[in-house]
Protein backbone atom coordinates (compact mmCIF):
# COMPACT_ATOMS: atom_id res chain seq x y z
CA MET A 1 -36.79 -50.56 -22.90
CA ILE A 2 -33.64 -50.95 -20.79
CA LYS A 3 -33.12 -50.52 -17.06
CA LEU A 4 -31.69 -47.47 -15.68
CA TYR A 5 -27.59 -48.32 -14.33
CA ARG A 6 -28.06 -49.44 -10.57
CA PHE A 7 -31.58 -48.69 -10.54
CA ASN A 8 -35.10 -51.51 -11.41
CA LEU A 9 -36.47 -48.17 -13.03
CA PRO A 10 -37.53 -49.31 -16.59
CA VAL A 11 -37.07 -46.10 -18.73
CA SER A 12 -37.66 -45.47 -22.72
CA MET A 13 -34.61 -44.34 -24.25
CA THR A 14 -32.55 -44.61 -27.28
CA ILE A 15 -28.98 -44.79 -26.93
CA ASN A 16 -27.11 -43.23 -30.04
CA THR A 17 -24.03 -42.81 -28.95
CA LYS A 18 -21.76 -44.36 -25.74
CA LYS A 19 -21.41 -40.69 -24.26
CA THR A 20 -25.28 -40.39 -23.77
CA LEU A 21 -24.88 -43.92 -21.72
CA PHE A 22 -21.37 -42.17 -19.50
CA TYR A 23 -23.63 -39.34 -18.82
CA ASN A 24 -26.90 -41.33 -17.59
CA ARG A 25 -24.44 -43.43 -15.43
CA CYS A 26 -22.53 -40.51 -13.91
CA LEU A 27 -26.13 -38.96 -13.10
CA CYS A 28 -27.31 -42.41 -11.34
CA ASP A 29 -23.70 -42.17 -9.37
CA ILE A 30 -25.09 -39.44 -7.67
CA ILE A 31 -28.64 -40.39 -7.33
CA TYR A 32 -27.19 -43.90 -5.70
CA SER A 33 -24.87 -41.90 -3.38
CA TYR A 34 -27.86 -39.88 -1.78
CA GLN A 35 -30.11 -43.37 -1.73
CA PHE A 36 -27.13 -45.57 0.04
CA PRO A 37 -25.65 -43.66 3.20
CA GLY A 38 -22.48 -45.07 2.93
CA LYS A 39 -22.14 -44.19 -1.15
CA ARG A 40 -23.06 -40.61 0.04
CA ARG A 41 -20.15 -40.11 2.15
CA VAL A 42 -17.97 -41.21 -0.53
CA PHE A 43 -19.65 -39.32 -2.98
CA MET A 44 -19.43 -35.91 -0.67
CA ALA A 45 -15.78 -36.62 1.14
CA THR A 46 -14.62 -36.56 -2.99
CA VAL A 47 -16.47 -33.42 -3.49
CA LEU A 48 -14.93 -32.00 -0.48
CA LEU A 49 -11.15 -33.23 -1.41
CA ALA A 50 -11.82 -31.05 -4.29
CA VAL A 51 -12.97 -28.14 -2.85
CA ILE A 52 -10.05 -27.93 -0.74
CA PHE A 53 -8.03 -28.69 -3.65
CA VAL A 54 -9.02 -25.19 -4.64
CA ALA A 55 -8.70 -23.45 -1.42
CA TYR A 56 -4.72 -24.52 -1.57
CA ILE A 57 -4.70 -23.14 -4.94
CA GLY A 58 -5.53 -20.13 -3.26
CA LEU A 59 -2.88 -20.36 -0.59
CA GLY A 60 -0.18 -20.38 -3.11
CA ILE A 61 -1.45 -16.98 -4.78
CA PRO A 62 0.31 -14.74 -2.46
CA ASP A 63 3.48 -16.27 -2.24
CA SER A 64 4.84 -15.65 -5.77
CA LEU A 65 3.05 -12.26 -6.15
CA LEU A 66 5.07 -9.40 -4.37
CA GLY A 67 8.19 -10.75 -6.10
CA ALA A 68 6.61 -10.46 -9.46
CA ALA A 69 5.09 -7.32 -8.71
CA TRP A 70 7.76 -5.52 -7.14
CA PRO A 71 9.62 -4.02 -9.65
CA ALA A 72 6.60 -1.95 -10.57
CA ILE A 73 5.95 -0.99 -6.91
CA TYR A 74 8.83 0.36 -5.73
CA GLY A 75 9.49 2.48 -8.95
CA ASP A 76 5.96 3.29 -8.95
CA LEU A 77 6.67 4.99 -5.04
CA GLY A 78 10.26 5.80 -5.06
CA LEU A 79 11.31 2.58 -2.53
CA PRO A 80 14.27 0.86 -2.46
CA VAL A 81 14.50 -2.57 -4.21
CA SER A 82 15.59 -3.51 -0.14
CA TYR A 83 12.50 -2.90 0.92
CA ALA A 84 10.92 -6.07 -0.08
CA SER A 85 13.17 -7.70 2.64
CA TYR A 86 10.71 -6.05 5.13
CA ILE A 87 7.61 -7.08 3.32
CA THR A 88 8.16 -10.56 3.26
CA ALA A 89 10.08 -10.45 7.27
CA CYS A 90 6.17 -9.25 8.21
CA THR A 91 4.66 -11.72 6.21
CA TYR A 92 6.78 -14.68 8.01
CA LEU A 93 6.40 -13.39 11.17
CA GLY A 94 2.19 -13.88 11.10
CA THR A 95 2.57 -17.33 9.26
CA ILE A 96 5.23 -18.50 12.10
CA THR A 97 2.71 -16.84 14.52
CA SER A 98 -0.05 -18.19 13.28
CA SER A 99 1.54 -21.46 13.04
CA PHE A 100 2.76 -22.30 16.35
CA MET A 101 -0.90 -20.82 17.56
CA SER A 102 -2.94 -23.31 15.09
CA GLY A 103 -3.86 -25.93 17.22
CA ARG A 104 -5.41 -23.42 19.81
CA VAL A 105 -7.45 -21.79 16.75
CA ILE A 106 -8.56 -25.02 15.09
CA LYS A 107 -9.65 -26.98 18.49
CA ALA A 108 -11.41 -23.79 19.34
CA LEU A 109 -13.12 -23.02 15.38
CA GLY A 110 -13.05 -26.21 13.76
CA THR A 111 -10.87 -26.74 10.23
CA ALA A 112 -14.05 -25.29 8.29
CA ARG A 113 -14.17 -22.06 9.76
CA VAL A 114 -10.95 -21.34 10.43
CA THR A 115 -10.59 -21.97 6.40
CA VAL A 116 -13.01 -19.18 5.13
CA LEU A 117 -12.39 -17.10 7.93
CA SER A 118 -8.29 -17.34 6.74
CA THR A 119 -8.68 -17.67 2.62
CA ALA A 120 -10.70 -14.16 3.68
CA LEU A 121 -7.95 -12.38 5.52
CA THR A 122 -5.94 -13.11 2.74
CA ALA A 123 -8.18 -11.77 0.18
CA PHE A 124 -8.91 -8.84 2.19
CA ALA A 125 -4.89 -8.06 2.65
CA LEU A 126 -4.26 -8.79 -1.18
CA LEU A 127 -6.77 -5.93 -1.49
CA ALA A 128 -5.39 -3.41 0.74
CA PHE A 129 -1.86 -4.18 -0.83
CA SER A 130 -3.43 -2.39 -3.71
CA PHE A 131 -4.19 0.87 -2.00
CA SER A 132 -0.92 0.88 -0.03
CA GLY A 133 0.79 3.71 -0.96
CA ASN A 134 4.57 3.83 1.47
CA ILE A 135 6.40 0.87 3.17
CA ILE A 136 4.60 1.34 6.49
CA PHE A 137 1.61 0.24 5.20
CA PHE A 138 2.85 -2.31 3.47
CA CYS A 139 4.39 -3.84 6.37
CA LEU A 140 1.31 -4.01 8.51
CA ILE A 141 -0.94 -5.53 6.08
CA ALA A 142 1.51 -8.12 5.10
CA ILE A 143 1.40 -9.45 8.72
CA PRO A 144 -2.47 -10.23 8.49
CA LEU A 145 -1.55 -11.83 4.96
CA GLY A 146 0.69 -13.90 6.85
CA LEU A 147 -1.56 -14.56 9.80
CA GLY A 148 -4.18 -16.08 7.02
CA ALA A 149 -1.35 -18.31 5.40
CA GLY A 150 -0.27 -20.26 8.51
CA SER A 151 -3.57 -21.01 9.49
CA VAL A 152 -5.21 -23.02 6.43
CA ASP A 153 -1.75 -24.03 5.68
CA THR A 154 -1.83 -25.66 8.95
CA ALA A 155 -5.62 -26.64 9.19
CA LEU A 156 -5.62 -28.13 5.60
CA ASN A 157 -2.66 -30.26 5.81
CA ASN A 158 -3.84 -31.89 8.94
CA TYR A 159 -7.26 -32.38 7.81
CA VAL A 160 -6.25 -34.10 4.60
CA ALA A 161 -3.48 -36.32 6.51
CA LEU A 162 -6.68 -37.61 8.74
CA ASN A 163 -9.32 -38.47 6.20
CA TYR A 164 -7.06 -38.93 3.02
CA LYS A 165 -4.72 -41.33 1.75
CA ALA A 166 -0.79 -39.86 1.16
CA SER A 167 -1.25 -39.42 -2.39
CA SER A 168 -4.14 -36.73 -1.94
CA VAL A 169 -1.55 -34.98 0.42
CA ASN A 170 0.89 -34.65 -2.31
CA PHE A 171 -1.99 -33.90 -4.84
CA LEU A 172 -2.85 -30.89 -2.37
CA HIS A 173 0.47 -29.35 -2.54
CA CYS A 174 0.44 -29.54 -6.57
CA SER A 175 -2.48 -27.20 -6.10
CA TYR A 176 0.03 -25.13 -3.98
CA GLY A 177 2.11 -25.06 -7.11
CA VAL A 178 -0.75 -24.12 -9.60
CA GLY A 179 -1.55 -21.09 -7.40
CA VAL A 180 2.37 -20.02 -7.07
CA SER A 181 2.63 -20.77 -10.40
CA ILE A 182 -0.72 -18.06 -11.95
CA SER A 183 -0.37 -15.79 -9.86
CA PRO A 184 3.16 -13.96 -11.38
CA TYR A 185 1.93 -14.90 -15.04
CA LEU A 186 -1.48 -12.91 -14.29
CA MET A 187 0.50 -9.87 -12.56
CA SER A 188 2.51 -9.95 -15.82
CA LEU A 189 -0.84 -9.63 -17.75
CA ALA A 190 -1.80 -7.21 -15.53
CA LEU A 191 1.73 -5.13 -16.05
CA SER A 192 1.66 -5.52 -19.69
CA ASP A 193 -1.78 -4.16 -20.14
CA THR A 194 -1.67 -1.15 -18.21
CA GLY A 195 1.25 -1.02 -16.07
CA ASP A 196 -0.69 -0.64 -12.71
CA TRP A 197 0.35 -3.41 -10.17
CA ARG A 198 -2.50 -2.20 -8.08
CA ARG A 199 -5.10 -3.91 -10.81
CA GLY A 200 -3.09 -6.80 -11.01
CA TYR A 201 -3.56 -6.89 -6.94
CA ARG A 202 -7.54 -6.28 -7.43
CA ILE A 203 -7.50 -9.08 -10.15
CA MET A 204 -6.10 -11.33 -7.60
CA PHE A 205 -8.36 -10.29 -4.45
CA ILE A 206 -11.35 -11.19 -6.77
CA ILE A 207 -10.16 -14.80 -7.26
CA GLN A 208 -8.99 -15.36 -3.75
CA ILE A 209 -12.50 -13.90 -2.36
CA SER A 210 -14.19 -16.45 -4.92
CA ILE A 211 -12.71 -19.28 -3.29
CA ALA A 212 -13.86 -17.98 0.10
CA LEU A 213 -17.16 -17.74 -1.11
CA LEU A 214 -16.92 -21.09 -2.52
CA LEU A 215 -15.73 -22.66 0.93
CA LEU A 216 -18.22 -20.43 2.64
CA VAL A 217 -21.07 -22.06 0.51
CA THR A 218 -19.65 -25.39 1.11
CA MET A 219 -19.27 -25.53 4.37
CA PRO A 220 -22.05 -27.84 5.14
CA ILE A 221 -20.50 -30.43 3.48
CA TRP A 222 -17.80 -30.68 5.78
CA LYS A 223 -20.97 -31.66 8.56
CA LYS A 224 -21.77 -34.46 6.13
CA VAL A 225 -18.56 -36.09 5.56
CA LYS A 226 -18.28 -38.41 8.02
CA SER A 227 -14.89 -40.73 8.61
CA SER A 228 -13.13 -42.31 11.45
CA SER A 229 -11.57 -39.17 12.43
CA GLN A 230 -14.75 -36.75 12.38
CA THR A 231 -14.46 -35.84 15.46
CA GLU A 232 -10.45 -34.64 15.52
CA ASP A 233 -10.74 -31.35 15.90
CA GLU A 234 -12.98 -31.67 19.31
CA GLU A 235 -10.78 -34.43 20.62
CA ALA A 236 -7.62 -32.48 19.39
CA VAL A 237 -4.62 -32.45 22.37
CA VAL A 238 -3.39 -29.06 22.22
CA LEU A 239 0.56 -28.93 23.23
CA SER A 240 2.66 -26.29 23.98
CA LEU A 241 6.08 -25.80 22.07
CA ARG A 242 8.02 -27.63 24.94
CA ASP A 243 5.33 -30.31 25.15
CA ALA A 244 5.28 -30.88 21.44
CA LEU A 245 9.18 -30.37 21.24
CA GLY A 246 9.67 -33.02 23.76
CA LEU A 247 7.88 -35.81 21.80
CA PRO A 248 9.85 -38.74 20.69
CA GLY A 249 10.80 -37.45 16.96
CA ALA A 250 9.59 -34.08 16.95
CA LYS A 251 13.15 -32.97 16.62
CA SER A 252 14.63 -34.84 13.96
CA GLY A 253 11.30 -34.32 12.09
CA ILE A 254 11.75 -30.31 12.69
CA GLY A 255 15.27 -31.19 11.24
CA VAL A 256 14.24 -33.13 8.06
CA LEU A 257 11.71 -30.27 7.24
CA MET A 258 13.94 -27.23 8.11
CA GLY A 259 16.39 -28.94 5.48
CA SER A 260 14.17 -29.54 2.76
CA CYS A 261 12.51 -26.12 3.19
CA ALA A 262 15.96 -24.01 3.53
CA ILE A 263 16.87 -25.80 0.10
CA GLU A 264 13.51 -24.79 -1.59
CA SER A 265 14.06 -20.98 -0.19
CA LEU A 266 17.16 -21.08 -1.54
CA CYS A 267 16.73 -21.95 -5.00
CA LEU A 268 13.80 -19.70 -5.27
CA VAL A 269 15.86 -16.57 -3.87
CA TRP A 270 19.01 -16.96 -4.78
CA ALA A 271 19.65 -19.60 -7.79
CA GLY A 272 19.09 -16.50 -10.17
CA THR A 273 21.86 -14.59 -8.74
CA PHE A 274 24.31 -18.20 -9.02
CA LEU A 275 23.60 -18.24 -12.49
CA ALA A 276 23.96 -15.04 -13.62
CA GLN A 277 27.34 -14.22 -11.83
CA THR A 278 28.47 -17.83 -12.60
CA ARG A 279 27.44 -19.21 -15.41
CA GLU A 280 27.37 -15.92 -17.23
CA MET A 281 23.60 -15.99 -17.98
CA THR A 282 21.01 -13.49 -18.91
CA ALA A 283 18.99 -12.13 -16.07
CA GLU A 284 15.64 -13.42 -17.71
CA MET A 285 17.43 -16.97 -18.53
CA ALA A 286 17.89 -16.75 -14.98
CA ALA A 287 14.53 -15.70 -14.63
CA ARG A 288 13.45 -19.27 -16.35
CA ALA A 289 15.97 -21.29 -14.34
CA VAL A 290 13.80 -20.48 -11.46
CA THR A 291 10.72 -21.09 -13.34
CA VAL A 292 11.99 -24.84 -13.83
CA TYR A 293 12.41 -25.38 -10.50
CA PHE A 294 8.80 -24.45 -9.84
CA ILE A 295 7.95 -26.83 -13.00
CA GLY A 296 10.31 -29.73 -11.30
CA MET A 297 8.54 -28.65 -7.64
CA THR A 298 5.31 -29.02 -9.24
CA ALA A 299 6.08 -32.43 -11.45
CA GLY A 300 7.47 -34.24 -8.26
CA ARG A 301 4.41 -33.94 -6.48
CA PHE A 302 2.43 -34.78 -8.74
CA LEU A 303 4.87 -37.68 -9.46
CA SER A 304 4.74 -38.64 -6.02
CA GLY A 305 1.55 -39.02 -5.54
CA LEU A 306 1.15 -41.89 -8.27
CA LEU A 307 4.08 -43.70 -6.34
CA SER A 308 2.72 -43.22 -2.79
CA ILE A 309 -0.41 -45.55 -4.23
CA LYS A 310 2.16 -48.51 -3.85
CA LEU A 311 5.03 -47.02 -1.84
CA SER A 312 5.07 -46.26 1.69
CA GLY A 313 5.53 -42.14 2.72
CA LYS A 314 9.39 -42.88 4.01
CA LYS A 315 10.40 -44.72 0.68
CA VAL A 316 8.93 -41.72 -1.50
CA MET A 317 10.88 -39.33 1.16
CA VAL A 318 14.51 -41.53 0.43
CA ILE A 319 13.72 -41.53 -3.46
CA GLY A 320 13.43 -37.79 -3.60
CA GLN A 321 16.58 -36.86 -1.12
CA CYS A 322 18.75 -39.08 -3.59
CA VAL A 323 17.04 -37.25 -6.87
CA THR A 324 17.85 -34.44 -4.85
CA LEU A 325 21.64 -35.30 -3.68
CA ALA A 326 22.30 -36.32 -8.03
CA ALA A 327 20.86 -32.45 -8.84
CA ILE A 328 23.04 -30.72 -6.20
CA LEU A 329 26.12 -32.59 -7.43
CA LEU A 330 25.08 -31.54 -10.88
CA ILE A 331 24.82 -28.04 -10.79
CA MET A 332 28.54 -27.84 -8.73
CA PHE A 333 30.06 -27.99 -11.82
CA LYS A 334 30.36 -25.50 -15.00
CA LEU A 335 28.10 -27.57 -17.53
CA PRO A 336 26.16 -26.58 -20.48
CA MET A 337 23.17 -24.58 -19.70
CA ALA A 338 20.93 -27.63 -20.56
CA ALA A 339 22.64 -29.79 -17.54
CA THR A 340 22.27 -26.31 -15.18
CA TYR A 341 18.63 -26.60 -16.06
CA ALA A 342 18.07 -30.16 -15.60
CA GLY A 343 19.37 -30.02 -11.98
CA LEU A 344 17.57 -26.87 -11.04
CA PHE A 345 14.70 -29.18 -12.57
CA MET A 346 15.83 -32.30 -10.21
CA ILE A 347 16.04 -30.29 -7.13
CA GLY A 348 12.39 -29.08 -7.44
CA LEU A 349 11.35 -32.79 -8.72
CA GLY A 350 13.29 -34.57 -5.58
CA ASN A 351 13.12 -32.13 -2.78
CA GLY A 352 9.22 -31.37 -3.76
CA PRO A 353 7.86 -34.42 -2.29
CA LEU A 354 9.47 -34.31 0.66
CA PHE A 355 7.18 -31.78 2.72
CA PRO A 356 3.54 -33.68 1.66
CA SER A 357 5.06 -36.90 2.50
CA MET A 358 6.16 -35.73 5.94
CA THR A 359 2.67 -34.10 6.18
CA HIS A 360 1.14 -37.34 6.04
CA LEU A 361 3.30 -39.14 8.10
CA ILE A 362 2.54 -36.74 11.61
CA PRO A 363 -0.41 -38.37 12.72
CA LYS A 364 1.14 -41.76 12.11
CA VAL A 365 4.30 -41.40 13.99
CA PHE A 366 2.87 -38.86 16.62
CA GLY A 367 -0.72 -39.94 16.78
CA LYS A 368 -4.41 -38.59 15.57
CA SER A 369 -4.69 -36.63 18.88
CA VAL A 370 -1.68 -34.42 18.57
CA SER A 371 -1.23 -34.04 14.91
CA GLN A 372 -2.73 -30.51 14.71
CA SER A 373 -0.27 -29.05 17.33
CA MET A 374 2.73 -31.15 15.65
CA ILE A 375 2.17 -29.91 12.01
CA GLY A 376 1.39 -26.68 13.41
CA THR A 377 4.60 -26.59 15.39
CA LEU A 378 6.77 -28.39 12.49
CA MET A 379 5.26 -25.37 9.57
CA GLY A 380 6.16 -22.81 12.26
CA PHE A 381 9.95 -24.11 12.23
CA SER A 382 9.60 -24.07 8.17
CA SER A 383 8.37 -20.78 8.05
CA ILE A 384 11.45 -19.78 9.84
CA SER A 385 14.09 -21.61 7.50
CA ILE A 386 12.29 -20.63 5.09
CA PHE A 387 12.80 -16.82 6.36
CA LEU A 388 16.29 -17.37 7.88
CA THR A 389 18.45 -19.26 4.89
CA PRO A 390 18.35 -16.66 2.14
CA PHE A 391 18.81 -13.92 4.55
CA ILE A 392 21.92 -15.74 6.09
CA PHE A 393 22.94 -17.32 2.44
CA GLY A 394 22.84 -13.25 1.09
CA GLN A 395 25.51 -12.33 3.49
CA LEU A 396 27.86 -15.03 3.31
CA ALA A 397 27.23 -14.57 -0.55
CA GLY A 398 28.23 -10.95 0.02
CA ARG A 399 31.47 -11.45 1.47
CA PHE A 400 32.35 -14.76 -0.44
CA GLY A 401 30.54 -14.48 -3.41
CA SER A 402 27.39 -16.57 -4.72
CA TRP A 403 29.63 -19.35 -6.15
CA LEU A 404 28.40 -20.53 -2.58
CA PHE A 405 25.10 -21.82 -3.69
CA PRO A 406 25.73 -25.41 -4.20
CA TYR A 407 27.66 -25.82 -1.31
CA ALA A 408 24.94 -24.14 0.85
CA ALA A 409 22.30 -25.99 -0.55
CA LEU A 410 24.57 -29.28 -0.10
CA ALA A 411 25.34 -28.43 3.42
CA MET A 412 21.44 -27.99 4.08
CA TYR A 413 21.01 -31.23 2.36
CA ALA A 414 23.37 -32.82 5.04
CA VAL A 415 21.18 -31.31 7.93
CA MET A 416 18.20 -33.10 6.24
CA MET A 417 19.84 -36.25 5.64
CA ILE A 418 20.81 -36.79 9.38
CA SER A 419 17.14 -35.85 10.49
CA THR A 420 16.07 -38.13 8.04
CA ALA A 421 18.04 -41.02 9.53
CA PHE A 422 16.96 -40.40 13.60
CA PHE A 423 13.42 -39.80 12.10
CA ILE A 424 12.71 -43.16 9.73
CA ARG A 425 13.89 -45.28 12.99
CA ARG A 426 10.05 -44.00 14.63
CA PRO A 427 7.68 -46.59 14.10
CA ALA A 428 4.64 -45.62 11.65
CA ASP A 429 1.30 -47.22 11.86
CA LYS A 430 0.71 -49.55 8.72
């Protein structure tokens, strides 16, 4: 006879292995959480965080899908290669619009509904892509795809920043890295199997709509999770763009994120071309180098999640920025291939944690009541930076050459560091 873990209920059982005892304890933890409200809230908050991580994987799925599928799409439909930029522009148009409007939308519908509806919207946009037959239809469908992505991004970042620790925000953005990594892989499987890019989009639709259904089924959990900021949707103050920009520290915060996102988009779009033209790499080798950046970004966000348990968000930012500077200097010189790969990995490693670290600081620096509007504003300007930087650099590279890549990254780094110097002077709550 033994007493079940945490309960005075005598139960006759034979413990043959430690595994049996472990499962019994897990079961009792669940039962215990429902017997005592405080433990139940903790358990439900943990379940909800896992669901949010899954939703953020879904956010990353569309972002790298077009790039993987476009070589097959333009060949199949007889479109010019450059038309991909029009689709991307329409996507960012939707993302920027929804980011700036997210404060009002979230206040009206609540975080849970916005997350479900936005994920479903992106799912059906992916399905519509699979039926596209011309550039006009592609561009029209790209707008709701961007609208859904911008809303869910702001909603989830604000919710996790308000209700969880800094490490959770970093791990949240790790989930995004999973999404942007698996979608090109699955698309490549579809292309290698049948050569049909439409099938690849339909596979991603199934995954995305499954995530939307999971979010719909788990909506009651949002109501059960109680926290000190449980009424943040109702109490949120919606700021106009002018009012948001007028807050102390807003402009410097925008400068930090625009500089960081400029470096990221520069690496994603132009690193391959830079390596192919100036380092005499093959297209395949250059593509691998870009993949190395993704790996570094995901690893950086994971490691910063661990560091943020002991260090403040501002310290994590500064550490990452020091790593980023060393990495940019590393790729300026014609070093062996391994050093170039290491440089791109280190840029992702150092620059990747900055966005989630900034997100977690926003409620502390600007206040919880305006955090929805501020996160939406900062993400809107970040999307503008992501959209414009590759275009502007493309014009410069066309005139002077892609050798400018590390110097452009260094210029964006200078913008980020000058803005950081002003931003970190703002006090944050302990």
